[in-house]
Amino acid sequence: MKTMLSLQFIAIIFSTILLLSACQKKTAATNPNSQSKTELHENTKPLQAADLVGYDGTKLRKSVDRIKEANDKHNQEVEKMAETGQDQ
């Protein structure tokens, strides 16, 4: 009886964790503007370490930042088109 109760308790905790993690991922996925530009630039900061092996790390980082910004802009345009397509 005790093991059955503990197994139910573990199952409830596990399902709650899964539910909460799924909700968090959906919120982040539906709000692409949640990251500011400074956060995006912070994600590419380690690319400057490419200087240590002979590459221009600053140029590489700026290039990746431009690509990420263009990708975000494209994703926003696609999202707007999808929303207007659903309204019609």
PDB file of N, CA and C in Angstrom:
ATOM      1  N   MET A   1       0.828  -1.187   0.000  1.00  0.00           N
ATOM      2  CA  MET A   1       0.000   0.000   0.000  1.00  0.00           C
ATOM      3  C   MET A   1       0.878   1.260   0.000  1.00  0.00           C
ATOM      4  N   LYS A   2       1.962   1.225   0.794  1.00  0.00           N
ATOM      5  CA  LYS A   2       2.857   2.372   0.855  1.00  0.00           C
ATOM      6  C   LYS A   2       3.564   2.598  -0.479  1.00  0.00           C
ATOM      7  N   THR A   3       3.994   1.533  -1.131  1.00  0.00           N
ATOM      8  CA  THR A   3       4.686   1.683  -2.401  1.00  0.00           C
ATOM      9  C   THR A   3       3.730   2.199  -3.478  1.00  0.00           C
ATOM     10  N   MET A   4       2.472   1.784  -3.424  1.00  0.00           N
ATOM     11  CA  MET A   4       1.483   2.262  -4.397  1.00  0.00           C
ATOM     12  C   MET A   4       1.257   3.758  -4.225  1.00  0.00           C
ATOM     13  N   LEU A   5       1.197   4.222  -2.988  1.00  0.00           N
ATOM     14  CA  LEU A   5       0.997   5.641  -2.711  1.00  0.00           C
ATOM     15  C   LEU A   5       2.204   6.449  -3.168  1.00  0.00           C
ATOM     16  N   SER A   6       3.400   5.941  -2.918  1.00  0.00           N
ATOM     17  CA  SER A   6       4.599   6.669  -3.331  1.00  0.00           C
ATOM     18  C   SER A   6       4.729   6.690  -4.855  1.00  0.00           C
ATOM     19  N   LEU A   7       4.333   5.606  -5.526  1.00  0.00           N
ATOM     20  CA  LEU A   7       4.368   5.586  -6.987  1.00  0.00           C
ATOM     21  C   LEU A   7       3.369   6.585  -7.575  1.00  0.00           C
ATOM     22  N   GLN A   8       2.209   6.695  -6.975  1.00  0.00           N
ATOM     23  CA  GLN A   8       1.224   7.679  -7.445  1.00  0.00           C
ATOM     24  C   GLN A   8       1.753   9.099  -7.227  1.00  0.00           C
ATOM     25  N   PHE A   9       2.377   9.317  -6.097  1.00  0.00           N
ATOM     26  CA  PHE A   9       2.937  10.627  -5.798  1.00  0.00           C
ATOM     27  C   PHE A   9       4.025  10.991  -6.811  1.00  0.00           C
ATOM     28  N   ILE A  10       4.888  10.054  -7.131  1.00  0.00           N
ATOM     29  CA  ILE A  10       5.952  10.285  -8.116  1.00  0.00           C
ATOM     30  C   ILE A  10       5.349  10.539  -9.494  1.00  0.00           C
ATOM     31  N   ALA A  11       4.313   9.790  -9.861  1.00  0.00           N
ATOM     32  CA  ALA A  11       3.664   9.985 -11.159  1.00  0.00           C
ATOM     33  C   ALA A  11       3.035  11.362 -11.251  1.00  0.00           C
ATOM     34  N   ILE A  12       2.424  11.824 -10.176  1.00  0.00           N
ATOM     35  CA  ILE A  12       1.807  13.159 -10.174  1.00  0.00           C
ATOM     36  C   ILE A  12       2.876  14.232 -10.307  1.00  0.00           C
ATOM     37  N   ILE A  13       3.958  14.102  -9.587  1.00  0.00           N
ATOM     38  CA  ILE A  13       5.048  15.089  -9.664  1.00  0.00           C
ATOM     39  C   ILE A  13       5.651  15.105 -11.061  1.00  0.00           C
ATOM     40  N   PHE A  14       5.902  13.938 -11.626  1.00  0.00           N
ATOM     41  CA  PHE A  14       6.488  13.844 -12.955  1.00  0.00           C
ATOM     42  C   PHE A  14       5.573  14.466 -14.011  1.00  0.00           C
ATOM     43  N   SER A  15       4.289  14.165 -13.948  1.00  0.00           N
ATOM     44  CA  SER A  15       3.361  14.732 -14.932  1.00  0.00           C
ATOM     45  C   SER A  15       3.241  16.240 -14.769  1.00  0.00           C
ATOM     46  N   THR A  16       3.296  16.730 -13.546  1.00  0.00           N
ATOM     47  CA  THR A  16       3.247  18.176 -13.319  1.00  0.00           C
ATOM     48  C   THR A  16       4.479  18.857 -13.904  1.00  0.00           C
ATOM     49  N   ILE A  17       5.630  18.269 -13.723  1.00  0.00           N
ATOM     50  CA  ILE A  17       6.865  18.835 -14.276  1.00  0.00           C
ATOM     51  C   ILE A  17       6.792  18.868 -15.794  1.00  0.00           C
ATOM     52  N   LEU A  18       6.316  17.782 -16.395  1.00  0.00           N
ATOM     53  CA  LEU A  18       6.187  17.754 -17.853  1.00  0.00           C
ATOM     54  C   LEU A  18       5.216  18.813 -18.350  1.00  0.00           C
ATOM     55  N   LEU A  19       4.103  18.950 -17.668  1.00  0.00           N
ATOM     56  CA  LEU A  19       3.102  19.947 -18.063  1.00  0.00           C
ATOM     57  C   LEU A  19       3.671  21.359 -17.972  1.00  0.00           C
ATOM     58  N   LEU A  20       4.346  21.655 -16.886  1.00  0.00           N
ATOM     59  CA  LEU A  20       4.917  22.990 -16.714  1.00  0.00           C
ATOM     60  C   LEU A  20       6.009  23.280 -17.728  1.00  0.00           C
ATOM     61  N   SER A  21       6.825  22.301 -18.021  1.00  0.00           N
ATOM     62  CA  SER A  21       7.891  22.541 -18.997  1.00  0.00           C
ATOM     63  C   SER A  21       7.305  22.734 -20.392  1.00  0.00           C
ATOM     64  N   ALA A  22       6.245  22.039 -20.716  1.00  0.00           N
ATOM     65  CA  ALA A  22       5.604  22.210 -22.017  1.00  0.00           C
ATOM     66  C   ALA A  22       4.996  23.598 -22.135  1.00  0.00           C
ATOM     67  N   CYS A  23       4.416  24.096 -21.076  1.00  0.00           N
ATOM     68  CA  CYS A  23       3.822  25.431 -21.096  1.00  0.00           C
ATOM     69  C   CYS A  23       4.899  26.497 -21.283  1.00  0.00           C
ATOM     70  N   GLN A  24       6.035  26.333 -20.655  1.00  0.00           N
ATOM     71  CA  GLN A  24       7.100  27.313 -20.777  1.00  0.00           C
ATOM     72  C   GLN A  24       7.655  27.338 -22.191  1.00  0.00           C
ATOM     73  N   LYS A  25       7.825  26.199 -22.811  1.00  0.00           N
ATOM     74  CA  LYS A  25       8.357  26.157 -24.157  1.00  0.00           C
ATOM     75  C   LYS A  25       7.398  26.806 -25.142  1.00  0.00           C
ATOM     76  N   LYS A  26       6.123  26.598 -24.981  1.00  0.00           N
ATOM     77  CA  LYS A  26       5.152  27.180 -25.885  1.00  0.00           C
ATOM     78  C   LYS A  26       5.155  28.699 -25.761  1.00  0.00           C
ATOM     79  N   THR A  27       5.241  29.201 -24.556  1.00  0.00           N
ATOM     80  CA  THR A  27       5.268  30.646 -24.344  1.00  0.00           C
ATOM     81  C   THR A  27       6.485  31.259 -25.021  1.00  0.00           C
ATOM     82  N   ALA A  28       7.630  30.639 -24.885  1.00  0.00           N
ATOM     83  CA  ALA A  28       8.845  31.160 -25.497  1.00  0.00           C
ATOM     84  C   ALA A  28       8.766  31.072 -27.019  1.00  0.00           C
ATOM     85  N   ALA A  29       8.154  30.035 -27.543  1.00  0.00           N
ATOM     86  CA  ALA A  29       8.079  29.862 -28.985  1.00  0.00           C
ATOM     87  C   ALA A  29       7.101  30.844 -29.620  1.00  0.00           C
ATOM     88  N   THR A  30       6.042  31.214 -28.920  1.00  0.00           N
ATOM     89  CA  THR A  30       5.069  32.117 -29.509  1.00  0.00           C
ATOM     90  C   THR A  30       5.460  33.576 -29.353  1.00  0.00           C
ATOM     91  N   ASN A  31       6.477  33.860 -28.567  1.00  0.00           N
ATOM     92  CA  ASN A  31       6.907  35.236 -28.370  1.00  0.00           C
ATOM     93  C   ASN A  31       8.376  35.372 -28.761  1.00  0.00           C
ATOM     94  N   PRO A  32       8.661  35.497 -30.082  1.00  0.00           N
ATOM     95  CA  PRO A  32      10.056  35.576 -30.500  1.00  0.00           C
ATOM     96  C   PRO A  32      10.725  36.880 -30.098  1.00  0.00           C
ATOM     97  N   ASN A  33       9.961  37.903 -29.756  1.00  0.00           N
ATOM     98  CA  ASN A  33      10.536  39.183 -29.366  1.00  0.00           C
ATOM     99  C   ASN A  33      10.913  39.214 -27.902  1.00  0.00           C
ATOM    100  N   SER A  34      10.820  38.075 -27.216  1.00  0.00           N
ATOM    101  CA  SER A  34      11.120  38.042 -25.794  1.00  0.00           C
ATOM    102  C   SER A  34      12.599  38.327 -25.529  1.00  0.00           C
ATOM    103  N   GLN A  35      13.460  38.042 -26.486  1.00  0.00           N
ATOM    104  CA  GLN A  35      14.881  38.323 -26.309  1.00  0.00           C
ATOM    105  C   GLN A  35      15.194  39.691 -26.916  1.00  0.00           C
ATOM    106  N   SER A  36      15.859  40.498 -26.150  1.00  0.00           N
ATOM    107  CA  SER A  36      16.261  41.792 -26.669  1.00  0.00           C
ATOM    108  C   SER A  36      17.525  41.619 -27.511  1.00  0.00           C
ATOM    109  N   LYS A  37      17.885  42.680 -28.211  1.00  0.00           N
ATOM    110  CA  LYS A  37      19.081  42.606 -29.053  1.00  0.00           C
ATOM    111  C   LYS A  37      20.333  42.387 -28.228  1.00  0.00           C
ATOM    112  N   THR A  38      20.370  42.936 -27.019  1.00  0.00           N
ATOM    113  CA  THR A  38      21.555  42.736 -26.192  1.00  0.00           C
ATOM    114  C   THR A  38      21.683  41.279 -25.791  1.00  0.00           C
ATOM    115  N   GLU A  39      20.542  40.597 -25.544  1.00  0.00           N
ATOM    116  CA  GLU A  39      20.601  39.179 -25.215  1.00  0.00           C
ATOM    117  C   GLU A  39      21.088  38.375 -26.414  1.00  0.00           C
ATOM    118  N   LEU A  40      20.658  38.760 -27.615  1.00  0.00           N
ATOM    119  CA  LEU A  40      21.111  38.059 -28.808  1.00  0.00           C
ATOM    120  C   LEU A  40      22.611  38.246 -28.996  1.00  0.00           C
ATOM    121  N   HIS A  41      23.103  39.445 -28.732  1.00  0.00           N
ATOM    122  CA  HIS A  41      24.527  39.706 -28.868  1.00  0.00           C
ATOM    123  C   HIS A  41      25.325  38.968 -27.794  1.00  0.00           C
ATOM    124  N   GLU A  42      24.746  38.790 -26.627  1.00  0.00           N
ATOM    125  CA  GLU A  42      25.429  38.053 -25.568  1.00  0.00           C
ATOM    126  C   GLU A  42      25.602  36.587 -25.956  1.00  0.00           C
ATOM    127  N   ASN A  43      24.654  36.049 -26.716  1.00  0.00           N
ATOM    128  CA  ASN A  43      24.745  34.646 -27.123  1.00  0.00           C
ATOM    129  C   ASN A  43      25.894  34.407 -28.090  1.00  0.00           C
ATOM    130  N   THR A  44      26.298  35.418 -28.825  1.00  0.00           N
ATOM    131  CA  THR A  44      27.374  35.253 -29.798  1.00  0.00           C
ATOM    132  C   THR A  44      28.721  35.739 -29.267  1.00  0.00           C
ATOM    133  N   LYS A  45      28.752  36.156 -28.036  1.00  0.00           N
ATOM    134  CA  LYS A  45      29.990  36.662 -27.448  1.00  0.00           C
ATOM    135  C   LYS A  45      31.136  35.645 -27.485  1.00  0.00           C
ATOM    136  N   PRO A  46      30.866  34.362 -27.249  1.00  0.00           N
ATOM    137  CA  PRO A  46      31.980  33.394 -27.305  1.00  0.00           C
ATOM    138  C   PRO A  46      32.650  33.296 -28.674  1.00  0.00           C
ATOM    139  N   LEU A  47      31.996  33.767 -29.723  1.00  0.00           N
ATOM    140  CA  LEU A  47      32.606  33.709 -31.047  1.00  0.00           C
ATOM    141  C   LEU A  47      33.853  34.585 -31.145  1.00  0.00           C
ATOM    142  N   GLN A  48      33.966  35.569 -30.266  1.00  0.00           N
ATOM    143  CA  GLN A  48      35.152  36.418 -30.295  1.00  0.00           C
ATOM    144  C   GLN A  48      36.403  35.648 -29.896  1.00  0.00           C
ATOM    145  N   ALA A  49      36.225  34.501 -29.281  1.00  0.00           N
ATOM    146  CA  ALA A  49      37.378  33.682 -28.909  1.00  0.00           C
ATOM    147  C   ALA A  49      38.056  33.097 -30.141  1.00  0.00           C
ATOM    148  N   ALA A  50      37.433  33.232 -31.300  1.00  0.00           N
ATOM    149  CA  ALA A  50      38.049  32.754 -32.539  1.00  0.00           C
ATOM    150  C   ALA A  50      39.342  33.510 -32.825  1.00  0.00           C
ATOM    151  N   ASP A  51      39.528  34.658 -32.192  1.00  0.00           N
ATOM    152  CA  ASP A  51      40.786  35.400 -32.330  1.00  0.00           C
ATOM    153  C   ASP A  51      41.981  34.548 -31.880  1.00  0.00           C
ATOM    154  N   LEU A  52      41.739  33.675 -30.941  1.00  0.00           N
ATOM    155  CA  LEU A  52      42.823  32.870 -30.385  1.00  0.00           C
ATOM    156  C   LEU A  52      43.386  31.863 -31.384  1.00  0.00           C
ATOM    157  N   VAL A  53      42.593  31.511 -32.383  1.00  0.00           N
ATOM    158  CA  VAL A  53      43.067  30.528 -33.368  1.00  0.00           C
ATOM    159  C   VAL A  53      43.310  31.158 -34.731  1.00  0.00           C
ATOM    160  N   GLY A  54      43.336  32.492 -34.773  1.00  0.00           N
ATOM    161  CA  GLY A  54      43.730  33.152 -36.005  1.00  0.00           C
ATOM    162  C   GLY A  54      42.597  33.757 -36.828  1.00  0.00           C
ATOM    163  N   TYR A  55      41.357  33.599 -36.415  1.00  0.00           N
ATOM    164  CA  TYR A  55      40.245  34.205 -37.145  1.00  0.00           C
ATOM    165  C   TYR A  55      39.928  35.567 -36.559  1.00  0.00           C
ATOM    166  N   ASP A  56      39.208  36.375 -37.322  1.00  0.00           N
ATOM    167  CA  ASP A  56      38.748  37.663 -36.821  1.00  0.00           C
ATOM    168  C   ASP A  56      37.438  37.430 -36.067  1.00  0.00           C
ATOM    169  N   GLY A  57      37.537  37.257 -34.755  1.00  0.00           N
ATOM    170  CA  GLY A  57      36.382  36.917 -33.936  1.00  0.00           C
ATOM    171  C   GLY A  57      35.315  37.991 -33.926  1.00  0.00           C
ATOM    172  N   THR A  58      35.719  39.266 -33.924  1.00  0.00           N
ATOM    173  CA  THR A  58      34.746  40.359 -33.907  1.00  0.00           C
ATOM    174  C   THR A  58      33.943  40.377 -35.198  1.00  0.00           C
ATOM    175  N   LYS A  59      34.622  40.200 -36.312  1.00  0.00           N
ATOM    176  CA  LYS A  59      33.935  40.180 -37.602  1.00  0.00           C
ATOM    177  C   LYS A  59      32.994  38.969 -37.686  1.00  0.00           C
ATOM    178  N   LEU A  60      33.444  37.843 -37.199  1.00  0.00           N
ATOM    179  CA  LEU A  60      32.633  36.632 -37.193  1.00  0.00           C
ATOM    180  C   LEU A  60      31.384  36.827 -36.339  1.00  0.00           C
ATOM    181  N   ARG A  61      31.553  37.428 -35.167  1.00  0.00           N
ATOM    182  CA  ARG A  61      30.421  37.672 -34.271  1.00  0.00           C
ATOM    183  C   ARG A  61      29.411  38.619 -34.909  1.00  0.00           C
ATOM    184  N   LYS A  62      29.888  39.689 -35.513  1.00  0.00           N
ATOM    185  CA  LYS A  62      28.978  40.643 -36.153  1.00  0.00           C
ATOM    186  C   LYS A  62      28.222  39.992 -37.305  1.00  0.00           C
ATOM    187  N   SER A  63      28.894  39.130 -38.033  1.00  0.00           N
ATOM    188  CA  SER A  63      28.258  38.423 -39.137  1.00  0.00           C
ATOM    189  C   SER A  63      27.135  37.516 -38.629  1.00  0.00           C
ATOM    190  N   VAL A  64      27.418  36.787 -37.575  1.00  0.00           N
ATOM    191  CA  VAL A  64      26.403  35.891 -37.008  1.00  0.00           C
ATOM    192  C   VAL A  64      25.247  36.707 -36.437  1.00  0.00           C
ATOM    193  N   ASP A  65      25.538  37.848 -35.805  1.00  0.00           N
ATOM    194  CA  ASP A  65      24.475  38.713 -35.280  1.00  0.00           C
ATOM    195  C   ASP A  65      23.565  39.198 -36.401  1.00  0.00           C
ATOM    196  N   ARG A  66      24.165  39.603 -37.523  1.00  0.00           N
ATOM    197  CA  ARG A  66      23.347  40.052 -38.661  1.00  0.00           C
ATOM    198  C   ARG A  66      22.469  38.920 -39.193  1.00  0.00           C
ATOM    199  N   ILE A  67      23.018  37.732 -39.263  1.00  0.00           N
ATOM    200  CA  ILE A  67      22.254  36.584 -39.750  1.00  0.00           C
ATOM    201  C   ILE A  67      21.098  36.280 -38.806  1.00  0.00           C
ATOM    202  N   LYS A  68      21.351  36.318 -37.498  1.00  0.00           N
ATOM    203  CA  LYS A  68      20.295  36.045 -36.529  1.00  0.00           C
ATOM    204  C   LYS A  68      19.200  37.111 -36.594  1.00  0.00           C
ATOM    205  N   GLU A  69      19.572  38.377 -36.751  1.00  0.00           N
ATOM    206  CA  GLU A  69      18.584  39.437 -36.842  1.00  0.00           C
ATOM    207  C   GLU A  69      17.751  39.297 -38.112  1.00  0.00           C
ATOM    208  N   ALA A  70      18.389  38.954 -39.225  1.00  0.00           N
ATOM    209  CA  ALA A  70      17.651  38.746 -40.469  1.00  0.00           C
ATOM    210  C   ALA A  70      16.700  37.556 -40.335  1.00  0.00           C
ATOM    211  N   ASN A  71      17.141  36.523 -39.661  1.00  0.00           N
ATOM    212  CA  ASN A  71      16.288  35.356 -39.443  1.00  0.00           C
ATOM    213  C   ASN A  71      15.089  35.715 -38.580  1.00  0.00           C
ATOM    214  N   ASP A  72      15.302  36.487 -37.526  1.00  0.00           N
ATOM    215  CA  ASP A  72      14.195  36.915 -36.677  1.00  0.00           C
ATOM    216  C   ASP A  72      13.202  37.768 -37.457  1.00  0.00           C
ATOM    217  N   LYS A  73      13.719  38.659 -38.286  1.00  0.00           N
ATOM    218  CA  LYS A  73      12.853  39.511 -39.096  1.00  0.00           C
ATOM    219  C   LYS A  73      12.031  38.664 -40.067  1.00  0.00           C
ATOM    220  N   HIS A  74      12.668  37.689 -40.694  1.00  0.00           N
ATOM    221  CA  HIS A  74      11.969  36.797 -41.622  1.00  0.00           C
ATOM    222  C   HIS A  74      10.882  36.002 -40.889  1.00  0.00           C
ATOM    223  N   ASN A  75      11.212  35.505 -39.705  1.00  0.00           N
ATOM    224  CA  ASN A  75      10.236  34.743 -38.929  1.00  0.00           C
ATOM    225  C   ASN A  75       9.034  35.599 -38.551  1.00  0.00           C
ATOM    226  N   GLN A  76       9.262  36.865 -38.224  1.00  0.00           N
ATOM    227  CA  GLN A  76       8.161  37.766 -37.898  1.00  0.00           C
ATOM    228  C   GLN A  76       7.276  37.997 -39.119  1.00  0.00           C
ATOM    229  N   GLU A  77       7.877  38.165 -40.296  1.00  0.00           N
ATOM    230  CA  GLU A  77       7.105  38.370 -41.514  1.00  0.00           C
ATOM    231  C   GLU A  77       6.261  37.142 -41.841  1.00  0.00           C
ATOM    232  N   VAL A  78       6.850  35.968 -41.678  1.00  0.00           N
ATOM    233  CA  VAL A  78       6.111  34.729 -41.939  1.00  0.00           C
ATOM    234  C   VAL A  78       4.958  34.588 -40.955  1.00  0.00           C
ATOM    235  N   GLU A  79       5.213  34.940 -39.709  1.00  0.00           N
ATOM    236  CA  GLU A  79       4.165  34.857 -38.690  1.00  0.00           C
ATOM    237  C   GLU A  79       3.019  35.817 -39.015  1.00  0.00           C
ATOM    238  N   LYS A  80       3.345  37.023 -39.463  1.00  0.00           N
ATOM    239  CA  LYS A  80       2.304  37.993 -39.835  1.00  0.00           C
ATOM    240  C   LYS A  80       1.505  37.483 -41.013  1.00  0.00           C
ATOM    241  N   MET A  81       2.179  36.891 -41.997  1.00  0.00           N
ATOM    242  CA  MET A  81       1.485  36.358 -43.158  1.00  0.00           C
ATOM    243  C   MET A  81       0.572  35.199 -42.761  1.00  0.00           C
ATOM    244  N   ALA A  82       1.011  34.385 -41.837  1.00  0.00           N
ATOM    245  CA  ALA A  82       0.200  33.262 -41.371  1.00  0.00           C
ATOM    246  C   ALA A  82      -1.031  33.762 -40.626  1.00  0.00           C
ATOM    247  N   GLU A  83      -0.868  34.822 -39.841  1.00  0.00           N
ATOM    248  CA  GLU A  83      -2.002  35.381 -39.100  1.00  0.00           C
ATOM    249  C   GLU A  83      -3.020  36.006 -40.046  1.00  0.00           C
ATOM    250  N   THR A  84      -2.553  36.725 -41.069  1.00  0.00           N
ATOM    251  CA  THR A  84      -3.492  37.350 -42.004  1.00  0.00           C
ATOM    252  C   THR A  84      -4.152  36.305 -42.881  1.00  0.00           C
ATOM    253  N   GLY A  85      -3.460  35.226 -43.161  1.00  0.00           N
ATOM    254  CA  GLY A  85      -4.036  34.148 -43.964  1.00  0.00           C
ATOM    255  C   GLY A  85      -5.134  33.415 -43.209  1.00  0.00           C
ATOM    256  N   GLN A  86      -5.036  33.351 -41.904  1.00  0.00           N
ATOM    257  CA  GLN A  86      -6.043  32.685 -41.102  1.00  0.00           C
ATOM    258  C   GLN A  86      -7.299  33.537 -40.967  1.00  0.00           C
ATOM    259  N   ASP A  87      -7.165  34.856 -41.042  1.00  0.00           N
ATOM    260  CA  ASP A  87      -8.303  35.747 -40.886  1.00  0.00           C
ATOM    261  C   ASP A  87      -9.216  35.717 -42.108  1.00  0.00           C
ATOM    262  N   GLN A  88      -8.682  35.402 -43.255  1.00  0.00           N
ATOM    263  CA  GLN A  88      -9.472  35.474 -44.488  1.00  0.00           C
ATOM    264  C   GLN A  88     -10.378  34.311 -44.645  1.00  0.00           C
TER     265      GLN A  88
END
